Amino acid sequence: MAKFDPNQISFAQGAVRVEGVVARHRLPVATRVLTSKDDAVVKSLHDLTVRNVPKGFTKVQLPFVFQQSQFFISEAEPGAHVAEHAHDGGDAIRFILDGAITHNGVELVAGDWMFIPKGVSYTIDIGKAGARMGYCYQCCCAGIEDVRDWVVNPASFGHRG
């Protein structure tokens, strides 16, 4: 099995992807409040599915980017494991929305969070009921395959992270 690598693309490449999806689906991100229940948002999430995930995970990028942050929601199957890895492009925060994860022997449940500094390696294990998590990254954890339709030449963006 290939090692999970969340550092395949740059923040800029992830932002270009989101901008392309927003344009394709004509999402009014600058002119009104959007919710996860809006028809256009729901349709856009197909284009924002992330394939670069560990086994047992599904993940979607949300259709907006802040100046230094990109946002994702993932679901993990019971017992899934995320092997040791780091986010080289920036800090991250993970919010546990449902279920549980374990990091360094500490169980985190709905309402808990974990801050991951840039470049610090970590692992997580998913609890018996699975988990749903929200993420805010100062990097983009999507993969090359996720941006291929949106970025003309992914290699032209320079460093990953």
N, C-alpha and C. Protein backbone atom coordinates (compact mmCIF):
# COMPACT_ATOMS: atom_id res chain seq x y z
N MET A 1 0.84 -1.18 0.00
CA MET A 1 0.00 0.00 0.00
C MET A 1 0.88 1.24 0.00
N ALA A 2 0.55 2.23 -0.82
CA ALA A 2 1.32 3.46 -0.89
C ALA A 2 1.13 4.27 0.39
N LYS A 3 2.19 4.94 0.81
CA LYS A 3 2.13 5.78 2.00
C LYS A 3 1.28 7.01 1.72
N PHE A 4 0.45 7.39 2.67
CA PHE A 4 -0.37 8.59 2.55
C PHE A 4 0.53 9.83 2.55
N ASP A 5 0.38 10.69 1.56
CA ASP A 5 1.18 11.90 1.44
C ASP A 5 0.25 13.10 1.26
N PRO A 6 0.02 13.87 2.34
CA PRO A 6 -0.87 15.03 2.22
C PRO A 6 -0.20 16.25 1.61
N ASN A 7 1.04 16.11 1.16
CA ASN A 7 1.82 17.26 0.68
C ASN A 7 2.03 17.24 -0.83
N GLN A 8 1.05 16.76 -1.57
CA GLN A 8 1.21 16.63 -3.02
C GLN A 8 1.04 17.93 -3.79
N ILE A 9 0.23 18.84 -3.27
CA ILE A 9 -0.02 20.08 -4.00
C ILE A 9 0.13 21.28 -3.07
N SER A 10 0.26 22.44 -3.66
CA SER A 10 0.44 23.67 -2.89
C SER A 10 -0.90 24.27 -2.47
N PHE A 11 -0.83 25.19 -1.53
CA PHE A 11 -2.01 25.95 -1.13
C PHE A 11 -2.62 26.63 -2.35
N ALA A 12 -1.76 27.22 -3.19
CA ALA A 12 -2.25 27.94 -4.39
C ALA A 12 -2.99 27.01 -5.33
N GLN A 13 -2.51 25.79 -5.52
CA GLN A 13 -3.20 24.84 -6.39
C GLN A 13 -4.57 24.48 -5.82
N GLY A 14 -4.64 24.28 -4.51
CA GLY A 14 -5.94 24.01 -3.89
C GLY A 14 -6.89 25.17 -4.06
N ALA A 15 -6.38 26.39 -3.95
CA ALA A 15 -7.22 27.58 -4.12
C ALA A 15 -7.72 27.70 -5.56
N VAL A 16 -6.87 27.38 -6.53
CA VAL A 16 -7.28 27.42 -7.94
C VAL A 16 -8.41 26.41 -8.17
N ARG A 17 -8.28 25.25 -7.58
CA ARG A 17 -9.33 24.23 -7.70
C ARG A 17 -10.66 24.78 -7.17
N VAL A 18 -10.64 25.34 -5.97
CA VAL A 18 -11.87 25.89 -5.39
C VAL A 18 -12.44 26.99 -6.27
N GLU A 19 -11.60 27.91 -6.74
CA GLU A 19 -12.07 28.99 -7.61
C GLU A 19 -12.73 28.44 -8.86
N GLY A 20 -12.16 27.39 -9.45
CA GLY A 20 -12.75 26.78 -10.63
C GLY A 20 -14.11 26.16 -10.35
N VAL A 21 -14.23 25.48 -9.23
CA VAL A 21 -15.51 24.86 -8.87
C VAL A 21 -16.55 25.94 -8.57
N VAL A 22 -16.15 26.98 -7.86
CA VAL A 22 -17.07 28.08 -7.56
C VAL A 22 -17.59 28.71 -8.86
N ALA A 23 -16.70 28.93 -9.82
CA ALA A 23 -17.11 29.50 -11.11
C ALA A 23 -18.03 28.55 -11.87
N ARG A 24 -17.65 27.27 -11.93
CA ARG A 24 -18.45 26.28 -12.67
C ARG A 24 -19.87 26.21 -12.13
N HIS A 25 -20.02 26.27 -10.81
CA HIS A 25 -21.34 26.11 -10.20
C HIS A 25 -21.99 27.45 -9.86
N ARG A 26 -21.33 28.54 -10.24
CA ARG A 26 -21.84 29.89 -10.03
C ARG A 26 -22.26 30.12 -8.58
N LEU A 27 -21.37 29.73 -7.67
CA LEU A 27 -21.65 29.91 -6.25
C LEU A 27 -21.40 31.37 -5.86
N PRO A 28 -22.37 32.01 -5.26
CA PRO A 28 -22.22 33.43 -4.88
C PRO A 28 -21.48 33.61 -3.56
N VAL A 29 -20.23 33.15 -3.49
CA VAL A 29 -19.49 33.16 -2.23
C VAL A 29 -19.22 34.55 -1.68
N ALA A 30 -19.23 35.56 -2.52
CA ALA A 30 -18.92 36.92 -2.06
C ALA A 30 -20.16 37.77 -1.82
N THR A 31 -21.34 37.23 -2.15
CA THR A 31 -22.52 38.10 -2.11
C THR A 31 -23.64 37.63 -1.18
N ARG A 32 -23.55 36.40 -0.67
CA ARG A 32 -24.59 35.95 0.26
C ARG A 32 -24.07 34.81 1.13
N VAL A 33 -24.78 34.55 2.18
CA VAL A 33 -24.43 33.46 3.07
C VAL A 33 -24.74 32.14 2.36
N LEU A 34 -23.79 31.21 2.39
CA LEU A 34 -23.99 29.88 1.83
C LEU A 34 -24.05 28.87 2.96
N THR A 35 -24.80 27.80 2.75
CA THR A 35 -24.86 26.72 3.73
C THR A 35 -24.66 25.39 3.03
N SER A 36 -24.45 24.37 3.81
CA SER A 36 -24.28 23.02 3.28
C SER A 36 -25.56 22.48 2.67
N LYS A 37 -26.68 23.15 2.88
CA LYS A 37 -27.97 22.71 2.35
C LYS A 37 -28.34 23.38 1.02
N ASP A 38 -27.58 24.38 0.60
CA ASP A 38 -27.88 25.06 -0.67
C ASP A 38 -27.68 24.11 -1.84
N ASP A 39 -28.64 24.08 -2.76
CA ASP A 39 -28.58 23.15 -3.90
C ASP A 39 -27.27 23.26 -4.67
N ALA A 40 -26.86 24.48 -4.99
CA ALA A 40 -25.62 24.66 -5.77
C ALA A 40 -24.40 24.17 -5.00
N VAL A 41 -24.39 24.37 -3.69
CA VAL A 41 -23.27 23.88 -2.88
C VAL A 41 -23.23 22.36 -2.90
N VAL A 42 -24.38 21.74 -2.70
CA VAL A 42 -24.46 20.27 -2.70
C VAL A 42 -23.94 19.73 -4.03
N LYS A 43 -24.34 20.33 -5.15
CA LYS A 43 -23.88 19.88 -6.47
C LYS A 43 -22.37 20.10 -6.63
N SER A 44 -21.84 21.18 -6.06
CA SER A 44 -20.41 21.48 -6.22
C SER A 44 -19.52 20.49 -5.48
N LEU A 45 -20.05 19.85 -4.44
CA LEU A 45 -19.21 18.98 -3.61
C LEU A 45 -18.69 17.76 -4.37
N HIS A 46 -19.39 17.35 -5.42
CA HIS A 46 -18.87 16.25 -6.25
C HIS A 46 -17.52 16.64 -6.84
N ASP A 47 -17.41 17.88 -7.33
CA ASP A 47 -16.16 18.35 -7.91
C ASP A 47 -15.09 18.61 -6.85
N LEU A 48 -15.48 18.67 -5.59
CA LEU A 48 -14.54 18.96 -4.51
C LEU A 48 -14.19 17.74 -3.68
N THR A 49 -14.61 16.55 -4.14
CA THR A 49 -14.23 15.32 -3.45
C THR A 49 -12.72 15.16 -3.53
N VAL A 50 -12.12 14.74 -2.43
CA VAL A 50 -10.68 14.55 -2.36
C VAL A 50 -10.39 13.05 -2.45
N ARG A 51 -9.55 12.68 -3.40
CA ARG A 51 -9.18 11.27 -3.57
C ARG A 51 -7.92 10.91 -2.81
N ASN A 52 -7.14 11.90 -2.46
CA ASN A 52 -5.88 11.69 -1.73
C ASN A 52 -6.19 11.56 -0.23
N VAL A 53 -6.67 10.37 0.16
CA VAL A 53 -7.03 10.12 1.56
C VAL A 53 -6.55 8.74 1.98
N PRO A 54 -6.35 8.53 3.27
CA PRO A 54 -6.00 7.19 3.74
C PRO A 54 -7.16 6.22 3.52
N LYS A 55 -6.85 4.94 3.52
CA LYS A 55 -7.87 3.90 3.36
C LYS A 55 -8.92 4.05 4.46
N GLY A 56 -10.19 3.93 4.08
CA GLY A 56 -11.29 4.03 5.03
C GLY A 56 -11.81 5.44 5.23
N PHE A 57 -11.30 6.40 4.47
CA PHE A 57 -11.72 7.80 4.60
C PHE A 57 -12.42 8.28 3.33
N THR A 58 -13.36 9.20 3.50
CA THR A 58 -13.87 10.02 2.41
C THR A 58 -13.66 11.46 2.86
N LYS A 59 -13.44 12.34 1.89
CA LYS A 59 -13.13 13.73 2.24
C LYS A 59 -13.60 14.65 1.14
N VAL A 60 -14.10 15.82 1.54
CA VAL A 60 -14.53 16.83 0.58
C VAL A 60 -13.97 18.18 1.00
N GLN A 61 -13.52 18.94 0.01
CA GLN A 61 -13.04 20.29 0.25
C GLN A 61 -14.25 21.21 0.18
N LEU A 62 -14.33 22.20 1.05
CA LEU A 62 -15.46 23.12 1.03
C LEU A 62 -15.24 24.21 -0.01
N PRO A 63 -16.33 24.80 -0.53
CA PRO A 63 -16.22 25.70 -1.69
C PRO A 63 -15.86 27.15 -1.37
N PHE A 64 -14.89 27.34 -0.50
CA PHE A 64 -14.39 28.69 -0.22
C PHE A 64 -12.98 28.55 0.35
N VAL A 65 -12.22 29.63 0.22
CA VAL A 65 -10.85 29.67 0.72
C VAL A 65 -10.67 30.99 1.46
N PHE A 66 -10.11 30.93 2.66
CA PHE A 66 -9.73 32.15 3.36
C PHE A 66 -8.31 32.49 2.96
N GLN A 67 -7.86 33.68 3.28
CA GLN A 67 -6.54 34.11 2.85
C GLN A 67 -5.45 33.09 3.19
N GLN A 68 -5.51 32.46 4.35
CA GLN A 68 -4.47 31.52 4.74
C GLN A 68 -5.03 30.14 5.11
N SER A 69 -6.28 29.85 4.75
CA SER A 69 -6.88 28.59 5.18
C SER A 69 -7.79 27.97 4.13
N GLN A 70 -7.74 26.64 4.05
CA GLN A 70 -8.67 25.86 3.24
C GLN A 70 -9.37 24.89 4.17
N PHE A 71 -10.60 24.50 3.82
CA PHE A 71 -11.45 23.77 4.73
C PHE A 71 -11.93 22.46 4.11
N PHE A 72 -12.03 21.43 4.95
CA PHE A 72 -12.41 20.10 4.51
C PHE A 72 -13.30 19.44 5.57
N ILE A 73 -14.10 18.48 5.13
CA ILE A 73 -14.84 17.61 6.04
C ILE A 73 -14.55 16.18 5.60
N SER A 74 -14.26 15.32 6.58
CA SER A 74 -14.01 13.92 6.24
C SER A 74 -14.81 13.01 7.15
N GLU A 75 -15.04 11.81 6.63
CA GLU A 75 -15.66 10.74 7.41
C GLU A 75 -14.72 9.56 7.35
N ALA A 76 -14.62 8.86 8.48
CA ALA A 76 -13.71 7.72 8.56
C ALA A 76 -14.47 6.51 9.09
N GLU A 77 -14.16 5.38 8.49
CA GLU A 77 -14.78 4.13 8.91
C GLU A 77 -14.24 3.70 10.27
N PRO A 78 -15.05 2.93 11.02
CA PRO A 78 -14.57 2.41 12.30
C PRO A 78 -13.25 1.66 12.13
N GLY A 79 -12.31 1.93 13.03
CA GLY A 79 -11.04 1.23 13.02
C GLY A 79 -10.03 1.69 12.00
N ALA A 80 -10.35 2.69 11.18
CA ALA A 80 -9.39 3.20 10.19
C ALA A 80 -8.17 3.79 10.92
N HIS A 81 -7.06 3.81 10.22
CA HIS A 81 -5.80 4.30 10.79
C HIS A 81 -5.16 5.28 9.80
N VAL A 82 -4.65 6.36 10.31
CA VAL A 82 -3.87 7.30 9.50
C VAL A 82 -2.42 7.16 9.92
N ALA A 83 -1.60 6.67 9.00
CA ALA A 83 -0.19 6.46 9.29
C ALA A 83 0.52 7.78 9.55
N GLU A 84 1.70 7.68 10.12
CA GLU A 84 2.47 8.87 10.45
C GLU A 84 2.69 9.74 9.21
N HIS A 85 2.43 11.00 9.38
CA HIS A 85 2.62 11.98 8.31
C HIS A 85 2.67 13.38 8.94
N ALA A 86 3.04 14.37 8.15
CA ALA A 86 3.08 15.76 8.60
C ALA A 86 2.53 16.63 7.49
N HIS A 87 2.11 17.82 7.84
CA HIS A 87 1.65 18.81 6.87
C HIS A 87 2.75 19.85 6.73
N ASP A 88 3.49 19.77 5.63
CA ASP A 88 4.66 20.61 5.45
C ASP A 88 4.34 22.05 5.06
N GLY A 89 3.12 22.29 4.56
CA GLY A 89 2.79 23.61 4.05
C GLY A 89 2.25 24.58 5.08
N GLY A 90 1.86 24.09 6.25
CA GLY A 90 1.31 25.00 7.25
C GLY A 90 0.62 24.27 8.38
N ASP A 91 0.19 25.04 9.37
CA ASP A 91 -0.52 24.51 10.52
C ASP A 91 -1.90 23.99 10.11
N ALA A 92 -2.48 23.18 11.00
CA ALA A 92 -3.82 22.66 10.76
C ALA A 92 -4.55 22.51 12.09
N ILE A 93 -5.88 22.52 12.01
CA ILE A 93 -6.69 22.19 13.18
C ILE A 93 -7.77 21.22 12.73
N ARG A 94 -8.01 20.22 13.55
CA ARG A 94 -9.03 19.20 13.28
C ARG A 94 -10.06 19.28 14.39
N PHE A 95 -11.34 19.37 14.01
CA PHE A 95 -12.45 19.36 14.95
C PHE A 95 -13.17 18.02 14.83
N ILE A 96 -13.44 17.38 15.94
CA ILE A 96 -14.19 16.13 15.92
C ILE A 96 -15.67 16.50 15.98
N LEU A 97 -16.40 16.16 14.92
CA LEU A 97 -17.82 16.49 14.83
C LEU A 97 -18.71 15.38 15.34
N ASP A 98 -18.26 14.15 15.13
CA ASP A 98 -19.03 12.98 15.55
C ASP A 98 -18.08 11.80 15.67
N GLY A 99 -18.39 10.86 16.53
CA GLY A 99 -17.54 9.69 16.70
C GLY A 99 -16.33 10.02 17.54
N ALA A 100 -15.24 9.29 17.30
CA ALA A 100 -14.04 9.48 18.12
C ALA A 100 -12.79 9.11 17.34
N ILE A 101 -11.68 9.76 17.72
CA ILE A 101 -10.36 9.41 17.22
C ILE A 101 -9.42 9.32 18.42
N THR A 102 -8.32 8.62 18.24
CA THR A 102 -7.32 8.54 19.29
C THR A 102 -5.98 9.02 18.74
N HIS A 103 -5.34 9.90 19.49
CA HIS A 103 -4.00 10.39 19.16
C HIS A 103 -3.15 10.30 20.43
N ASN A 104 -2.01 9.62 20.32
CA ASN A 104 -1.09 9.46 21.47
C ASN A 104 -1.80 8.93 22.70
N GLY A 105 -2.73 7.99 22.50
CA GLY A 105 -3.43 7.36 23.62
C GLY A 105 -4.56 8.18 24.21
N VAL A 106 -4.84 9.36 23.65
CA VAL A 106 -5.91 10.22 24.15
C VAL A 106 -7.08 10.17 23.17
N GLU A 107 -8.26 9.82 23.69
CA GLU A 107 -9.45 9.78 22.85
C GLU A 107 -10.06 11.17 22.75
N LEU A 108 -10.31 11.60 21.52
CA LEU A 108 -10.98 12.87 21.25
C LEU A 108 -12.35 12.55 20.69
N VAL A 109 -13.39 13.18 21.24
CA VAL A 109 -14.77 12.92 20.84
C VAL A 109 -15.41 14.21 20.34
N ALA A 110 -16.68 14.11 19.92
CA ALA A 110 -17.39 15.28 19.39
C ALA A 110 -17.22 16.49 20.31
N GLY A 111 -16.81 17.58 19.71
CA GLY A 111 -16.56 18.81 20.45
C GLY A 111 -15.09 19.03 20.76
N ASP A 112 -14.28 17.99 20.67
CA ASP A 112 -12.84 18.12 20.89
C ASP A 112 -12.15 18.55 19.60
N TRP A 113 -10.90 18.96 19.73
CA TRP A 113 -10.11 19.38 18.57
C TRP A 113 -8.65 19.05 18.82
N MET A 114 -7.89 19.08 17.74
CA MET A 114 -6.43 18.94 17.86
C MET A 114 -5.76 19.91 16.90
N PHE A 115 -4.73 20.61 17.39
CA PHE A 115 -3.94 21.53 16.60
C PHE A 115 -2.69 20.80 16.15
N ILE A 116 -2.37 20.89 14.86
CA ILE A 116 -1.21 20.21 14.30
C ILE A 116 -0.27 21.27 13.72
N PRO A 117 0.87 21.51 14.37
CA PRO A 117 1.82 22.49 13.85
C PRO A 117 2.45 22.03 12.53
N LYS A 118 2.77 22.97 11.70
CA LYS A 118 3.46 22.70 10.44
C LYS A 118 4.67 21.80 10.68
N GLY A 119 4.74 20.72 9.88
CA GLY A 119 5.91 19.85 9.90
C GLY A 119 5.98 18.84 11.03
N VAL A 120 5.02 18.83 11.97
CA VAL A 120 5.05 17.89 13.09
C VAL A 120 4.32 16.61 12.71
N SER A 121 5.01 15.48 12.79
CA SER A 121 4.43 14.19 12.42
C SER A 121 3.45 13.71 13.48
N TYR A 122 2.41 13.02 13.03
CA TYR A 122 1.42 12.46 13.94
C TYR A 122 0.67 11.32 13.27
N THR A 123 -0.05 10.55 14.07
CA THR A 123 -0.93 9.49 13.59
C THR A 123 -2.26 9.62 14.32
N ILE A 124 -3.30 9.04 13.73
CA ILE A 124 -4.58 8.93 14.45
C ILE A 124 -5.21 7.58 14.14
N ASP A 125 -6.00 7.12 15.09
CA ASP A 125 -6.79 5.90 14.93
C ASP A 125 -8.25 6.28 15.14
N ILE A 126 -9.11 5.70 14.33
CA ILE A 126 -10.53 6.00 14.39
C ILE A 126 -11.22 5.02 15.33
N GLY A 127 -12.18 5.53 16.10
CA GLY A 127 -12.89 4.73 17.09
C GLY A 127 -13.86 3.73 16.49
N LYS A 128 -14.51 2.98 17.39
CA LYS A 128 -15.41 1.88 17.00
C LYS A 128 -16.63 2.34 16.21
N ALA A 129 -17.05 3.58 16.38
CA ALA A 129 -18.22 4.09 15.67
C ALA A 129 -17.85 4.94 14.46
N GLY A 130 -16.56 5.01 14.12
CA GLY A 130 -16.12 5.87 13.03
C GLY A 130 -15.98 7.30 13.53
N ALA A 131 -15.80 8.22 12.61
CA ALA A 131 -15.65 9.63 12.99
C ALA A 131 -15.99 10.53 11.82
N ARG A 132 -16.47 11.70 12.15
CA ARG A 132 -16.68 12.79 11.19
C ARG A 132 -15.90 13.97 11.72
N MET A 133 -15.08 14.56 10.84
CA MET A 133 -14.18 15.63 11.29
C MET A 133 -14.20 16.80 10.32
N GLY A 134 -14.00 17.98 10.87
CA GLY A 134 -13.81 19.19 10.08
C GLY A 134 -12.37 19.64 10.23
N TYR A 135 -11.79 20.17 9.16
CA TYR A 135 -10.38 20.57 9.15
C TYR A 135 -10.25 22.00 8.63
N CYS A 136 -9.28 22.68 9.15
CA CYS A 136 -8.86 23.96 8.61
C CYS A 136 -7.35 23.86 8.45
N TYR A 137 -6.87 23.98 7.21
CA TYR A 137 -5.46 23.85 6.91
C TYR A 137 -4.89 25.15 6.35
N GLN A 138 -3.64 25.44 6.70
CA GLN A 138 -2.91 26.51 6.04
C GLN A 138 -2.15 25.94 4.85
N CYS A 139 -2.51 24.75 4.47
CA CYS A 139 -1.94 24.08 3.31
C CYS A 139 -3.14 23.45 2.58
N CYS A 140 -2.89 22.66 1.57
CA CYS A 140 -3.99 21.96 0.90
C CYS A 140 -3.66 20.48 0.88
N CYS A 141 -4.51 19.69 1.48
CA CYS A 141 -4.23 18.25 1.59
C CYS A 141 -4.87 17.43 0.49
N ALA A 142 -5.35 18.09 -0.54
CA ALA A 142 -5.84 17.35 -1.72
C ALA A 142 -4.61 16.82 -2.46
N GLY A 143 -4.84 16.02 -3.49
CA GLY A 143 -3.73 15.45 -4.24
C GLY A 143 -3.69 15.93 -5.67
N ILE A 144 -2.65 15.53 -6.37
CA ILE A 144 -2.47 15.90 -7.78
C ILE A 144 -3.71 15.52 -8.59
N GLU A 145 -4.24 14.32 -8.38
CA GLU A 145 -5.43 13.88 -9.13
C GLU A 145 -6.63 14.78 -8.87
N ASP A 146 -6.69 15.38 -7.69
CA ASP A 146 -7.82 16.24 -7.34
C ASP A 146 -7.78 17.59 -8.05
N VAL A 147 -6.61 18.05 -8.44
CA VAL A 147 -6.51 19.37 -9.09
C VAL A 147 -6.25 19.30 -10.59
N ARG A 148 -6.05 18.11 -11.11
CA ARG A 148 -5.70 17.97 -12.53
C ARG A 148 -6.68 18.67 -13.47
N ASP A 149 -7.96 18.65 -13.15
CA ASP A 149 -8.96 19.30 -14.01
C ASP A 149 -8.98 20.82 -13.86
N TRP A 150 -8.34 21.33 -12.81
CA TRP A 150 -8.45 22.75 -12.51
C TRP A 150 -7.16 23.52 -12.72
N VAL A 151 -6.02 22.84 -12.67
CA VAL A 151 -4.72 23.49 -12.79
C VAL A 151 -4.07 22.98 -14.08
N VAL A 152 -3.77 23.88 -14.99
CA VAL A 152 -3.23 23.49 -16.30
C VAL A 152 -1.96 22.68 -16.17
N ASN A 153 -0.99 23.16 -15.41
CA ASN A 153 0.27 22.46 -15.22
C ASN A 153 0.61 22.45 -13.74
N PRO A 154 0.17 21.40 -13.01
CA PRO A 154 0.40 21.39 -11.56
C PRO A 154 1.86 21.58 -11.18
N ALA A 155 2.80 21.09 -11.96
CA ALA A 155 4.22 21.21 -11.62
C ALA A 155 4.68 22.68 -11.66
N SER A 156 3.98 23.53 -12.39
CA SER A 156 4.40 24.92 -12.53
C SER A 156 4.20 25.74 -11.26
N PHE A 157 3.52 25.19 -10.27
CA PHE A 157 3.27 25.94 -9.06
C PHE A 157 4.40 25.86 -8.05
N GLY A 158 5.46 25.15 -8.38
CA GLY A 158 6.61 25.09 -7.48
C GLY A 158 6.42 24.10 -6.36
N HIS A 159 6.82 24.48 -5.16
CA HIS A 159 6.85 23.54 -4.03
C HIS A 159 5.44 23.12 -3.61
N ARG A 160 5.43 21.96 -2.98
CA ARG A 160 4.17 21.42 -2.46
C ARG A 160 3.96 21.95 -1.06
N GLY A 161 2.74 21.69 -0.54
CA GLY A 161 2.52 21.99 0.88
C GLY A 161 1.42 22.91 1.16
